[in-house]
Amino acid sequence: MLLSEIFKSIQGESTYAGLPSVFVRLAGCSLRCAWCDTPYARVPDEAVERTVDDVIKEVRKFNCNLVEITGGEPLEQAEAIELSTRLVEAGFTVLIETNGAVDVKGLDPRIVKIIDVKCPSSGHAGSFLLDNIPYITAEDEIKFVIGDREDYEYAKRFMEEFLMDRTSRILFAPVRPALEPKTLAQWILNDSLRVRFQLQLHSYIWSGERGR
C-alpha cells in the first residue's frame, strides 16, 4: 500500500478526541476539497510502499491501543480493509476516516467508521454514496466540516433525511479560518441540534505541524 506517514498524537476530532492515538495516513485521494488540511497526502509523490505486515509492525512500536486509518482517502486502497481487520483482530480499537464517496460495506463491523460528508464549500457536495447508509451503525460517526451558512443548512438536511435512525454520533466542525467557531456554536444552539460541536484539538496544540 502507499503510505504517507505513521505517527502518534492526541486524537483531535470525533468522540475519541483527547485520547492518545496512532495515525496511519495512506496516500491518494480522488477528491480535491477546497479546505483540505493534508494536501500532501492527496497524491503519492511523497508516499512509500509498505505491506500490511510492515504497517502493523510499526503500529505496535507505539504502545497505543487506539489506531486511526486516514488519508488521503484510505478506502481507495484495497489493502486498507485487510489492515483494519487485522488490527482489530489483534485487539486494537480501530477508527477509519473516509469521505463516504467509496464503498464501506467490506469493512469489519467492529471498526468505527468516521465518515466525512462533504458540504458545498468543499467543492464535492453530493459525493457521498447513499448506498453506504445501510452500513452505518450506532457506533459510527458522521462528520460535517462547515464553512458557511449554506454548508450548515446542507448538513442539517442531510442529517434529518438520512441519519436520524442510523447514528446519534454526528459531528459539526467549522472550517478554519473561514467560519468563526462561536458562529457555528450559536447556530447549533439556536436550532437545538443534537450534534457534537468539535474543534481540531491537534491544530490548536501544534498549529498544524505535520506528523502531529
N, C-alpha and C. Protein backbone atom coordinates (compact mmCIF):
# COMPACT_ATOMS: atom_id res chain seq x y z
N MET A 1 0.84 -1.18 0.00
CA MET A 1 0.00 0.00 0.00
C MET A 1 0.88 1.24 0.00
N LEU A 2 0.30 2.37 -0.41
CA LEU A 2 1.03 3.64 -0.44
C LEU A 2 0.81 4.37 0.87
N LEU A 3 1.89 4.52 1.63
CA LEU A 3 1.82 5.09 2.97
C LEU A 3 2.41 6.49 2.96
N SER A 4 1.66 7.43 3.51
CA SER A 4 2.15 8.79 3.64
C SER A 4 2.95 8.95 4.93
N GLU A 5 2.39 8.49 6.06
CA GLU A 5 3.09 8.63 7.33
C GLU A 5 2.39 7.81 8.41
N ILE A 6 3.15 7.47 9.45
CA ILE A 6 2.62 6.87 10.67
C ILE A 6 3.16 7.69 11.84
N PHE A 7 2.28 8.08 12.75
CA PHE A 7 2.75 8.86 13.89
C PHE A 7 1.78 8.71 15.05
N LYS A 8 2.24 9.09 16.23
CA LYS A 8 1.41 9.06 17.43
C LYS A 8 1.12 10.49 17.85
N SER A 9 -0.14 10.74 18.17
CA SER A 9 -0.53 12.09 18.55
C SER A 9 -1.76 12.02 19.46
N ILE A 10 -2.27 13.18 19.82
CA ILE A 10 -3.53 13.27 20.53
C ILE A 10 -4.65 13.27 19.48
N GLN A 11 -5.63 12.41 19.67
CA GLN A 11 -6.78 12.41 18.76
C GLN A 11 -7.47 13.77 18.85
N GLY A 12 -7.56 14.46 17.71
CA GLY A 12 -8.06 15.82 17.74
C GLY A 12 -9.53 15.97 17.44
N GLU A 13 -10.18 14.91 16.91
CA GLU A 13 -11.57 15.02 16.49
C GLU A 13 -12.35 13.78 16.93
N SER A 14 -13.66 13.83 16.69
CA SER A 14 -14.58 12.72 16.98
C SER A 14 -14.84 12.61 18.47
N THR A 15 -15.63 11.60 18.85
CA THR A 15 -15.90 11.39 20.27
C THR A 15 -14.69 10.80 21.00
N TYR A 16 -13.65 10.47 20.24
CA TYR A 16 -12.41 9.97 20.84
C TYR A 16 -11.40 11.10 21.08
N ALA A 17 -11.81 12.33 20.85
CA ALA A 17 -10.91 13.48 20.98
C ALA A 17 -10.27 13.52 22.36
N GLY A 18 -8.98 13.82 22.36
CA GLY A 18 -8.21 13.92 23.60
C GLY A 18 -7.43 12.68 23.95
N LEU A 19 -7.73 11.56 23.31
CA LEU A 19 -7.04 10.31 23.61
C LEU A 19 -5.78 10.16 22.76
N PRO A 20 -4.71 9.58 23.33
CA PRO A 20 -3.55 9.24 22.50
C PRO A 20 -3.95 8.24 21.41
N SER A 21 -3.43 8.44 20.22
CA SER A 21 -3.81 7.59 19.09
C SER A 21 -2.64 7.47 18.12
N VAL A 22 -2.55 6.31 17.47
CA VAL A 22 -1.62 6.14 16.36
C VAL A 22 -2.39 6.42 15.08
N PHE A 23 -1.80 7.22 14.20
CA PHE A 23 -2.42 7.56 12.93
C PHE A 23 -1.65 6.90 11.79
N VAL A 24 -2.36 6.15 10.98
CA VAL A 24 -1.80 5.56 9.78
C VAL A 24 -2.40 6.32 8.61
N ARG A 25 -1.60 7.18 7.98
CA ARG A 25 -2.11 8.00 6.89
C ARG A 25 -1.69 7.41 5.55
N LEU A 26 -2.68 6.95 4.78
CA LEU A 26 -2.42 6.42 3.46
C LEU A 26 -2.48 7.55 2.43
N ALA A 27 -1.79 7.37 1.33
CA ALA A 27 -1.69 8.42 0.32
C ALA A 27 -2.67 8.17 -0.83
N GLY A 28 -3.17 9.28 -1.37
CA GLY A 28 -4.04 9.22 -2.53
C GLY A 28 -5.48 9.53 -2.19
N CYS A 29 -6.08 10.45 -2.96
CA CYS A 29 -7.49 10.78 -2.80
C CYS A 29 -7.99 11.36 -4.12
N SER A 30 -9.14 10.89 -4.56
CA SER A 30 -9.69 11.37 -5.83
C SER A 30 -10.42 12.70 -5.70
N LEU A 31 -10.72 13.11 -4.46
CA LEU A 31 -11.36 14.41 -4.23
C LEU A 31 -10.29 15.48 -4.03
N ARG A 32 -10.68 16.71 -4.27
CA ARG A 32 -9.78 17.86 -4.08
C ARG A 32 -10.54 18.93 -3.31
N CYS A 33 -10.79 18.65 -2.05
CA CYS A 33 -11.59 19.56 -1.22
C CYS A 33 -10.88 20.91 -1.07
N ALA A 34 -11.65 21.97 -1.15
CA ALA A 34 -11.09 23.33 -1.11
C ALA A 34 -10.34 23.60 0.17
N TRP A 35 -10.79 23.00 1.27
CA TRP A 35 -10.17 23.29 2.57
C TRP A 35 -9.34 22.13 3.12
N CYS A 36 -8.94 21.20 2.27
CA CYS A 36 -8.15 20.04 2.72
C CYS A 36 -6.95 20.48 3.54
N ASP A 37 -6.78 19.87 4.73
CA ASP A 37 -5.67 20.26 5.60
C ASP A 37 -4.47 19.31 5.49
N THR A 38 -4.55 18.31 4.61
CA THR A 38 -3.41 17.42 4.37
C THR A 38 -3.21 17.22 2.86
N PRO A 39 -2.99 18.30 2.11
CA PRO A 39 -2.87 18.17 0.65
C PRO A 39 -1.71 17.28 0.22
N TYR A 40 -0.69 17.16 1.06
CA TYR A 40 0.45 16.31 0.71
C TYR A 40 0.07 14.84 0.63
N ALA A 41 -1.06 14.47 1.27
CA ALA A 41 -1.49 13.07 1.25
C ALA A 41 -2.46 12.76 0.12
N ARG A 42 -2.83 13.77 -0.66
CA ARG A 42 -3.77 13.54 -1.76
C ARG A 42 -3.10 12.87 -2.95
N VAL A 43 -1.79 13.01 -3.05
CA VAL A 43 -1.04 12.46 -4.18
C VAL A 43 0.06 11.54 -3.65
N PRO A 44 0.51 10.61 -4.46
CA PRO A 44 1.51 9.64 -3.99
C PRO A 44 2.95 10.12 -4.08
N ASP A 45 3.16 11.40 -4.39
CA ASP A 45 4.52 11.90 -4.64
C ASP A 45 5.50 11.59 -3.52
N GLU A 46 5.07 11.77 -2.27
CA GLU A 46 5.97 11.56 -1.13
C GLU A 46 5.71 10.24 -0.42
N ALA A 47 4.85 9.40 -0.98
CA ALA A 47 4.48 8.15 -0.32
C ALA A 47 5.55 7.08 -0.50
N VAL A 48 5.50 6.11 0.40
CA VAL A 48 6.37 4.94 0.30
C VAL A 48 5.50 3.69 0.26
N GLU A 49 5.99 2.66 -0.39
CA GLU A 49 5.24 1.41 -0.46
C GLU A 49 5.55 0.56 0.76
N ARG A 50 4.49 0.09 1.41
CA ARG A 50 4.63 -0.76 2.58
C ARG A 50 3.60 -1.88 2.51
N THR A 51 3.94 -3.03 3.06
CA THR A 51 2.98 -4.13 3.14
C THR A 51 2.13 -3.95 4.40
N VAL A 52 1.04 -4.68 4.46
CA VAL A 52 0.21 -4.67 5.66
C VAL A 52 1.03 -5.11 6.87
N ASP A 53 1.85 -6.12 6.71
CA ASP A 53 2.69 -6.59 7.82
C ASP A 53 3.63 -5.49 8.30
N ASP A 54 4.22 -4.74 7.36
CA ASP A 54 5.12 -3.65 7.72
C ASP A 54 4.39 -2.62 8.58
N VAL A 55 3.19 -2.26 8.17
CA VAL A 55 2.43 -1.22 8.88
C VAL A 55 2.06 -1.69 10.29
N ILE A 56 1.59 -2.92 10.40
CA ILE A 56 1.22 -3.44 11.72
C ILE A 56 2.42 -3.47 12.66
N LYS A 57 3.57 -3.86 12.12
CA LYS A 57 4.79 -3.87 12.92
C LYS A 57 5.12 -2.47 13.44
N GLU A 58 4.96 -1.45 12.59
CA GLU A 58 5.22 -0.08 13.01
C GLU A 58 4.22 0.38 14.07
N VAL A 59 2.96 0.05 13.86
CA VAL A 59 1.91 0.45 14.81
C VAL A 59 2.20 -0.10 16.20
N ARG A 60 2.64 -1.34 16.28
CA ARG A 60 2.90 -1.97 17.57
C ARG A 60 3.99 -1.24 18.37
N LYS A 61 4.91 -0.60 17.68
CA LYS A 61 6.02 0.08 18.36
C LYS A 61 5.56 1.24 19.23
N PHE A 62 4.38 1.79 18.96
CA PHE A 62 3.93 2.99 19.67
C PHE A 62 3.27 2.70 21.02
N ASN A 63 2.99 1.43 21.30
CA ASN A 63 2.39 1.06 22.59
C ASN A 63 1.12 1.86 22.86
N CYS A 64 0.21 1.83 21.90
CA CYS A 64 -1.03 2.60 21.99
C CYS A 64 -2.15 1.75 21.37
N ASN A 65 -3.26 1.61 22.08
CA ASN A 65 -4.31 0.71 21.65
C ASN A 65 -5.28 1.31 20.64
N LEU A 66 -5.29 2.65 20.51
CA LEU A 66 -6.21 3.31 19.59
C LEU A 66 -5.50 3.65 18.29
N VAL A 67 -6.07 3.20 17.17
CA VAL A 67 -5.45 3.42 15.86
C VAL A 67 -6.48 4.02 14.91
N GLU A 68 -6.08 5.08 14.22
CA GLU A 68 -6.94 5.63 13.17
C GLU A 68 -6.26 5.50 11.82
N ILE A 69 -6.98 4.92 10.86
CA ILE A 69 -6.51 4.84 9.48
C ILE A 69 -7.17 5.98 8.72
N THR A 70 -6.34 6.82 8.12
CA THR A 70 -6.85 8.02 7.48
C THR A 70 -6.11 8.26 6.17
N GLY A 71 -6.27 9.43 5.61
CA GLY A 71 -5.60 9.71 4.34
C GLY A 71 -5.42 11.20 4.12
N GLY A 72 -5.46 11.58 2.86
CA GLY A 72 -5.96 10.87 1.69
C GLY A 72 -7.35 10.26 1.94
N GLU A 73 -7.66 9.34 1.06
CA GLU A 73 -8.86 8.51 1.22
C GLU A 73 -8.41 7.07 1.32
N PRO A 74 -8.37 6.52 2.56
CA PRO A 74 -7.78 5.19 2.74
C PRO A 74 -8.48 4.08 1.97
N LEU A 75 -9.80 4.19 1.80
CA LEU A 75 -10.52 3.09 1.16
C LEU A 75 -10.33 3.05 -0.35
N GLU A 76 -9.58 3.99 -0.90
CA GLU A 76 -9.21 3.87 -2.31
C GLU A 76 -8.09 2.85 -2.50
N GLN A 77 -7.53 2.37 -1.39
CA GLN A 77 -6.53 1.30 -1.45
C GLN A 77 -7.14 0.03 -0.86
N ALA A 78 -7.18 -1.01 -1.65
CA ALA A 78 -7.84 -2.25 -1.23
C ALA A 78 -7.23 -2.82 0.05
N GLU A 79 -5.93 -2.59 0.25
CA GLU A 79 -5.25 -3.15 1.43
C GLU A 79 -5.74 -2.54 2.74
N ALA A 80 -6.41 -1.40 2.67
CA ALA A 80 -6.90 -0.75 3.90
C ALA A 80 -7.90 -1.64 4.63
N ILE A 81 -8.67 -2.40 3.90
CA ILE A 81 -9.65 -3.29 4.54
C ILE A 81 -8.94 -4.41 5.28
N GLU A 82 -7.94 -5.02 4.64
CA GLU A 82 -7.17 -6.06 5.33
C GLU A 82 -6.46 -5.50 6.54
N LEU A 83 -5.85 -4.33 6.40
CA LEU A 83 -5.13 -3.71 7.50
C LEU A 83 -6.06 -3.46 8.69
N SER A 84 -7.22 -2.87 8.43
CA SER A 84 -8.13 -2.55 9.52
C SER A 84 -8.65 -3.81 10.21
N THR A 85 -8.94 -4.85 9.43
CA THR A 85 -9.42 -6.11 10.01
C THR A 85 -8.36 -6.77 10.87
N ARG A 86 -7.15 -6.80 10.39
CA ARG A 86 -6.08 -7.44 11.16
C ARG A 86 -5.75 -6.67 12.43
N LEU A 87 -5.84 -5.37 12.38
CA LEU A 87 -5.60 -4.58 13.59
C LEU A 87 -6.67 -4.82 14.64
N VAL A 88 -7.92 -4.86 14.22
CA VAL A 88 -8.99 -5.09 15.20
C VAL A 88 -8.92 -6.50 15.75
N GLU A 89 -8.52 -7.46 14.92
CA GLU A 89 -8.36 -8.83 15.40
C GLU A 89 -7.19 -8.95 16.37
N ALA A 90 -6.22 -8.04 16.26
CA ALA A 90 -5.07 -8.04 17.17
C ALA A 90 -5.38 -7.31 18.49
N GLY A 91 -6.62 -6.80 18.62
CA GLY A 91 -7.01 -6.19 19.89
C GLY A 91 -6.99 -4.67 19.91
N PHE A 92 -6.69 -4.05 18.79
CA PHE A 92 -6.69 -2.59 18.73
C PHE A 92 -8.13 -2.07 18.54
N THR A 93 -8.39 -0.89 19.10
CA THR A 93 -9.59 -0.15 18.73
C THR A 93 -9.26 0.61 17.46
N VAL A 94 -10.03 0.36 16.42
CA VAL A 94 -9.67 0.88 15.09
C VAL A 94 -10.75 1.84 14.59
N LEU A 95 -10.31 3.03 14.21
CA LEU A 95 -11.15 4.01 13.56
C LEU A 95 -10.67 4.13 12.11
N ILE A 96 -11.58 4.36 11.19
CA ILE A 96 -11.17 4.65 9.83
C ILE A 96 -11.93 5.87 9.35
N GLU A 97 -11.19 6.88 8.91
CA GLU A 97 -11.82 8.11 8.43
C GLU A 97 -11.91 8.05 6.92
N THR A 98 -13.13 8.22 6.42
CA THR A 98 -13.39 8.10 5.00
C THR A 98 -14.32 9.21 4.55
N ASN A 99 -14.26 9.55 3.27
CA ASN A 99 -15.09 10.65 2.77
C ASN A 99 -16.49 10.20 2.33
N GLY A 100 -16.79 8.92 2.43
CA GLY A 100 -18.11 8.44 2.08
C GLY A 100 -18.36 8.29 0.59
N ALA A 101 -17.37 8.67 -0.21
CA ALA A 101 -17.51 8.54 -1.66
C ALA A 101 -17.04 7.18 -2.15
N VAL A 102 -16.59 6.33 -1.22
CA VAL A 102 -16.10 4.99 -1.55
C VAL A 102 -16.93 3.98 -0.76
N ASP A 103 -17.17 2.84 -1.34
CA ASP A 103 -17.96 1.77 -0.72
C ASP A 103 -17.34 1.35 0.61
N VAL A 104 -18.17 1.28 1.68
CA VAL A 104 -17.67 0.89 3.00
C VAL A 104 -18.14 -0.50 3.42
N LYS A 105 -18.90 -1.19 2.57
CA LYS A 105 -19.54 -2.42 3.02
C LYS A 105 -18.55 -3.54 3.33
N GLY A 106 -17.32 -3.46 2.83
CA GLY A 106 -16.35 -4.51 3.10
C GLY A 106 -15.66 -4.41 4.45
N LEU A 107 -15.94 -3.34 5.19
CA LEU A 107 -15.27 -3.15 6.48
C LEU A 107 -15.88 -4.03 7.56
N ASP A 108 -15.01 -4.55 8.42
CA ASP A 108 -15.44 -5.31 9.59
C ASP A 108 -16.35 -4.42 10.45
N PRO A 109 -17.50 -4.91 10.90
CA PRO A 109 -18.42 -4.09 11.68
C PRO A 109 -17.86 -3.64 13.03
N ARG A 110 -16.76 -4.25 13.48
CA ARG A 110 -16.13 -3.82 14.74
C ARG A 110 -15.32 -2.54 14.58
N ILE A 111 -15.08 -2.14 13.34
CA ILE A 111 -14.30 -0.93 13.07
C ILE A 111 -15.23 0.27 13.09
N VAL A 112 -14.82 1.33 13.75
CA VAL A 112 -15.62 2.55 13.81
C VAL A 112 -15.34 3.39 12.58
N LYS A 113 -16.38 3.65 11.82
CA LYS A 113 -16.25 4.48 10.63
C LYS A 113 -16.54 5.94 11.00
N ILE A 114 -15.62 6.83 10.65
CA ILE A 114 -15.85 8.27 10.78
C ILE A 114 -15.98 8.79 9.35
N ILE A 115 -17.21 9.09 8.97
CA ILE A 115 -17.49 9.44 7.58
C ILE A 115 -17.66 10.94 7.45
N ASP A 116 -16.81 11.54 6.63
CA ASP A 116 -16.78 12.99 6.42
C ASP A 116 -17.65 13.32 5.21
N VAL A 117 -18.90 13.68 5.47
CA VAL A 117 -19.83 14.01 4.38
C VAL A 117 -19.50 15.42 3.87
N LYS A 118 -19.24 15.53 2.59
CA LYS A 118 -18.77 16.80 2.03
C LYS A 118 -19.91 17.78 1.81
N CYS A 119 -19.71 19.00 2.30
CA CYS A 119 -20.67 20.09 2.15
C CYS A 119 -20.30 20.94 0.93
N PRO A 120 -21.18 21.86 0.50
CA PRO A 120 -20.92 22.62 -0.74
C PRO A 120 -19.59 23.35 -0.80
N SER A 121 -19.12 23.95 0.31
CA SER A 121 -17.88 24.73 0.24
C SER A 121 -16.66 23.87 -0.05
N SER A 122 -16.78 22.56 0.14
CA SER A 122 -15.65 21.66 -0.18
C SER A 122 -15.45 21.54 -1.68
N GLY A 123 -16.51 21.80 -2.43
CA GLY A 123 -16.47 21.57 -3.87
C GLY A 123 -16.93 20.18 -4.27
N HIS A 124 -17.35 19.35 -3.28
CA HIS A 124 -17.73 17.98 -3.58
C HIS A 124 -19.05 17.57 -2.94
N ALA A 125 -19.97 18.52 -2.77
CA ALA A 125 -21.29 18.16 -2.27
C ALA A 125 -21.92 17.14 -3.21
N GLY A 126 -22.55 16.13 -2.64
CA GLY A 126 -23.16 15.09 -3.45
C GLY A 126 -22.26 13.92 -3.74
N SER A 127 -21.03 13.95 -3.24
CA SER A 127 -20.10 12.84 -3.50
C SER A 127 -20.38 11.62 -2.62
N PHE A 128 -21.14 11.81 -1.55
CA PHE A 128 -21.44 10.70 -0.63
C PHE A 128 -22.29 9.63 -1.34
N LEU A 129 -21.88 8.37 -1.20
CA LEU A 129 -22.62 7.26 -1.79
C LEU A 129 -23.78 6.88 -0.87
N LEU A 130 -25.00 7.09 -1.31
CA LEU A 130 -26.15 6.76 -0.47
C LEU A 130 -26.24 5.26 -0.20
N ASP A 131 -25.60 4.45 -1.05
CA ASP A 131 -25.57 3.01 -0.80
C ASP A 131 -24.82 2.67 0.48
N ASN A 132 -24.06 3.63 1.03
CA ASN A 132 -23.34 3.39 2.28
C ASN A 132 -24.23 3.51 3.51
N ILE A 133 -25.40 4.13 3.36
CA ILE A 133 -26.27 4.37 4.52
C ILE A 133 -26.58 3.09 5.31
N PRO A 134 -26.93 1.98 4.67
CA PRO A 134 -27.26 0.78 5.46
C PRO A 134 -26.10 0.23 6.28
N TYR A 135 -24.87 0.65 5.96
CA TYR A 135 -23.70 0.13 6.66
C TYR A 135 -23.23 1.05 7.79
N ILE A 136 -23.98 2.12 8.05
CA ILE A 136 -23.68 3.00 9.17
C ILE A 136 -24.32 2.41 10.42
N THR A 137 -23.52 2.18 11.46
CA THR A 137 -24.02 1.61 12.71
C THR A 137 -24.09 2.69 13.79
N ALA A 138 -24.67 2.34 14.92
CA ALA A 138 -24.80 3.28 16.03
C ALA A 138 -23.45 3.71 16.58
N GLU A 139 -22.41 2.91 16.34
CA GLU A 139 -21.07 3.24 16.83
C GLU A 139 -20.30 4.13 15.86
N ASP A 140 -20.78 4.25 14.65
CA ASP A 140 -20.10 5.06 13.64
C ASP A 140 -20.39 6.54 13.85
N GLU A 141 -19.55 7.39 13.25
CA GLU A 141 -19.67 8.83 13.43
C GLU A 141 -19.71 9.51 12.05
N ILE A 142 -20.55 10.53 11.95
CA ILE A 142 -20.69 11.28 10.71
C ILE A 142 -20.22 12.70 10.97
N LYS A 143 -19.29 13.17 10.16
CA LYS A 143 -18.70 14.50 10.36
C LYS A 143 -19.07 15.42 9.20
N PHE A 144 -19.43 16.64 9.55
CA PHE A 144 -19.65 17.69 8.57
C PHE A 144 -18.68 18.83 8.86
N VAL A 145 -17.84 19.17 7.90
CA VAL A 145 -16.94 20.31 8.03
C VAL A 145 -17.64 21.49 7.36
N ILE A 146 -17.88 22.54 8.14
CA ILE A 146 -18.81 23.59 7.73
C ILE A 146 -18.09 24.92 7.57
N GLY A 147 -18.22 25.50 6.37
CA GLY A 147 -17.53 26.74 6.07
C GLY A 147 -18.42 27.97 6.05
N ASP A 148 -19.74 27.77 5.94
CA ASP A 148 -20.65 28.91 5.86
C ASP A 148 -22.07 28.42 6.14
N ARG A 149 -23.02 29.35 6.06
CA ARG A 149 -24.40 29.01 6.38
C ARG A 149 -24.97 27.99 5.40
N GLU A 150 -24.60 28.08 4.13
CA GLU A 150 -25.08 27.10 3.16
C GLU A 150 -24.66 25.69 3.55
N ASP A 151 -23.42 25.54 3.98
CA ASP A 151 -22.94 24.23 4.45
C ASP A 151 -23.76 23.75 5.64
N TYR A 152 -24.03 24.67 6.55
CA TYR A 152 -24.78 24.32 7.76
C TYR A 152 -26.17 23.80 7.41
N GLU A 153 -26.86 24.49 6.53
CA GLU A 153 -28.20 24.07 6.14
C GLU A 153 -28.15 22.74 5.39
N TYR A 154 -27.11 22.56 4.56
CA TYR A 154 -26.93 21.30 3.84
C TYR A 154 -26.75 20.15 4.83
N ALA A 155 -25.92 20.36 5.85
CA ALA A 155 -25.67 19.32 6.85
C ALA A 155 -26.94 19.00 7.63
N LYS A 156 -27.69 19.99 7.99
CA LYS A 156 -28.95 19.76 8.71
C LYS A 156 -29.90 18.90 7.88
N ARG A 157 -30.06 19.24 6.61
CA ARG A 157 -30.97 18.47 5.76
C ARG A 157 -30.51 17.03 5.61
N PHE A 158 -29.20 16.86 5.40
CA PHE A 158 -28.65 15.52 5.23
C PHE A 158 -28.89 14.70 6.50
N MET A 159 -28.61 15.30 7.63
CA MET A 159 -28.77 14.62 8.91
C MET A 159 -30.22 14.19 9.11
N GLU A 160 -31.15 15.10 8.88
CA GLU A 160 -32.56 14.81 9.11
C GLU A 160 -33.11 13.78 8.15
N GLU A 161 -32.61 13.79 6.91
CA GLU A 161 -33.14 12.88 5.91
C GLU A 161 -32.55 11.48 5.99
N PHE A 162 -31.26 11.37 6.34
CA PHE A 162 -30.58 10.09 6.21
C PHE A 162 -30.04 9.48 7.50
N LEU A 163 -29.84 10.26 8.55
CA LEU A 163 -29.02 9.77 9.66
C LEU A 163 -29.76 9.52 10.97
N MET A 164 -30.93 10.07 11.14
CA MET A 164 -31.54 10.05 12.47
C MET A 164 -31.82 8.64 12.99
N ASP A 165 -32.05 7.68 12.12
CA ASP A 165 -32.29 6.32 12.58
C ASP A 165 -31.07 5.43 12.45
N ARG A 166 -29.90 6.04 12.14
CA ARG A 166 -28.67 5.26 11.97
C ARG A 166 -27.70 5.46 13.12
N THR A 167 -27.36 6.71 13.42
CA THR A 167 -26.41 7.01 14.50
C THR A 167 -26.71 8.38 15.07
N SER A 168 -26.44 8.52 16.37
CA SER A 168 -26.59 9.83 17.03
C SER A 168 -25.25 10.54 17.14
N ARG A 169 -24.20 9.90 16.64
CA ARG A 169 -22.85 10.47 16.74
C ARG A 169 -22.58 11.32 15.50
N ILE A 170 -23.07 12.54 15.56
CA ILE A 170 -22.97 13.47 14.43
C ILE A 170 -22.13 14.67 14.86
N LEU A 171 -21.13 14.99 14.06
CA LEU A 171 -20.12 15.99 14.41
C LEU A 171 -20.20 17.18 13.46
N PHE A 172 -20.23 18.39 14.01
CA PHE A 172 -20.17 19.61 13.21
C PHE A 172 -18.88 20.34 13.56
N ALA A 173 -18.07 20.65 12.55
CA ALA A 173 -16.79 21.32 12.78
C ALA A 173 -16.66 22.51 11.85
N PRO A 174 -16.19 23.66 12.36
CA PRO A 174 -16.01 24.83 11.49
C PRO A 174 -14.73 24.75 10.68
N VAL A 175 -14.78 25.25 9.44
CA VAL A 175 -13.58 25.41 8.64
C VAL A 175 -12.80 26.59 9.20
N ARG A 176 -11.54 26.37 9.49
CA ARG A 176 -10.69 27.47 9.93
C ARG A 176 -9.88 28.02 8.76
N PRO A 177 -9.79 29.36 8.58
CA PRO A 177 -10.42 30.41 9.39
C PRO A 177 -11.71 30.93 8.78
N ALA A 178 -12.31 30.18 7.87
CA ALA A 178 -13.46 30.69 7.12
C ALA A 178 -14.67 30.97 8.01
N LEU A 179 -14.86 30.17 9.04
CA LEU A 179 -16.04 30.30 9.89
C LEU A 179 -15.61 30.36 11.35
N GLU A 180 -16.02 31.41 12.05
CA GLU A 180 -15.70 31.54 13.47
C GLU A 180 -16.38 30.42 14.26
N PRO A 181 -15.64 29.73 15.11
CA PRO A 181 -16.25 28.67 15.92
C PRO A 181 -17.49 29.11 16.69
N LYS A 182 -17.45 30.33 17.24
CA LYS A 182 -18.60 30.78 18.03
C LYS A 182 -19.84 30.97 17.16
N THR A 183 -19.64 31.29 15.88
CA THR A 183 -20.79 31.44 14.97
C THR A 183 -21.48 30.10 14.77
N LEU A 184 -20.69 29.05 14.46
CA LEU A 184 -21.26 27.73 14.29
C LEU A 184 -21.90 27.25 15.60
N ALA A 185 -21.24 27.48 16.71
CA ALA A 185 -21.79 27.08 18.00
C ALA A 185 -23.15 27.73 18.25
N GLN A 186 -23.27 28.99 17.90
CA GLN A 186 -24.54 29.69 18.12
C GLN A 186 -25.64 29.17 17.21
N TRP A 187 -25.29 28.84 15.95
CA TRP A 187 -26.30 28.25 15.06
C TRP A 187 -26.84 26.96 15.64
N ILE A 188 -25.93 26.13 16.16
CA ILE A 188 -26.34 24.85 16.75
C ILE A 188 -27.26 25.08 17.95
N LEU A 189 -26.90 26.04 18.79
CA LEU A 189 -27.72 26.33 19.97
C LEU A 189 -29.08 26.90 19.58
N ASN A 190 -29.07 27.78 18.58
CA ASN A 190 -30.34 28.39 18.16
C ASN A 190 -31.33 27.35 17.64
N ASP A 191 -30.79 26.33 16.96
CA ASP A 191 -31.65 25.30 16.37
C ASP A 191 -31.82 24.07 17.26
N SER A 192 -31.19 24.10 18.43
CA SER A 192 -31.27 22.97 19.38
C SER A 192 -30.92 21.64 18.70
N LEU A 193 -29.87 21.68 17.89
CA LEU A 193 -29.45 20.46 17.19
C LEU A 193 -28.79 19.49 18.16
N ARG A 194 -29.09 18.22 17.97
CA ARG A 194 -28.44 17.18 18.77
C ARG A 194 -27.20 16.69 18.03
N VAL A 195 -26.21 17.56 17.99
CA VAL A 195 -24.94 17.24 17.34
C VAL A 195 -23.81 17.62 18.29
N ARG A 196 -22.64 17.08 18.02
CA ARG A 196 -21.45 17.42 18.81
C ARG A 196 -20.62 18.46 18.06
N PHE A 197 -20.49 19.63 18.65
CA PHE A 197 -19.60 20.66 18.10
C PHE A 197 -18.17 20.24 18.38
N GLN A 198 -17.28 20.37 17.40
CA GLN A 198 -15.90 19.98 17.64
C GLN A 198 -14.92 20.92 16.96
N LEU A 199 -13.77 21.05 17.58
CA LEU A 199 -12.63 21.75 17.02
C LEU A 199 -11.50 20.74 16.85
N GLN A 200 -10.57 21.04 15.97
CA GLN A 200 -9.41 20.15 15.79
C GLN A 200 -8.39 20.44 16.88
N LEU A 201 -8.42 19.64 17.95
CA LEU A 201 -7.54 19.89 19.09
C LEU A 201 -6.08 19.91 18.69
N HIS A 202 -5.68 19.02 17.80
CA HIS A 202 -4.28 18.94 17.42
C HIS A 202 -3.80 20.22 16.74
N SER A 203 -4.69 20.88 16.01
CA SER A 203 -4.28 22.11 15.32
C SER A 203 -4.08 23.26 16.31
N TYR A 204 -4.77 23.21 17.44
CA TYR A 204 -4.56 24.22 18.47
C TYR A 204 -3.31 23.94 19.29
N ILE A 205 -3.00 22.66 19.46
CA ILE A 205 -1.82 22.29 20.25
C ILE A 205 -0.54 22.52 19.46
N TRP A 206 -0.55 22.08 18.18
CA TRP A 206 0.67 22.10 17.38
C TRP A 206 0.61 23.01 16.15
N SER A 207 -0.45 23.80 16.03
CA SER A 207 -0.57 24.80 14.95
C SER A 207 -0.37 24.19 13.56
N GLY A 208 -0.94 23.02 13.35
CA GLY A 208 -0.89 22.41 12.02
C GLY A 208 0.42 21.75 11.66
N GLU A 209 1.30 21.54 12.64
CA GLU A 209 2.59 20.88 12.38
C GLU A 209 2.37 19.46 11.84
N ARG A 210 3.04 19.13 10.77
CA ARG A 210 2.88 17.83 10.15
C ARG A 210 3.37 16.72 11.09
N GLY A 211 2.66 15.59 11.07
CA GLY A 211 3.03 14.49 11.94
C GLY A 211 2.56 14.66 13.35
N ARG A 212 1.61 15.58 13.56
CA ARG A 212 1.04 15.82 14.88
C ARG A 212 -0.48 15.71 14.87
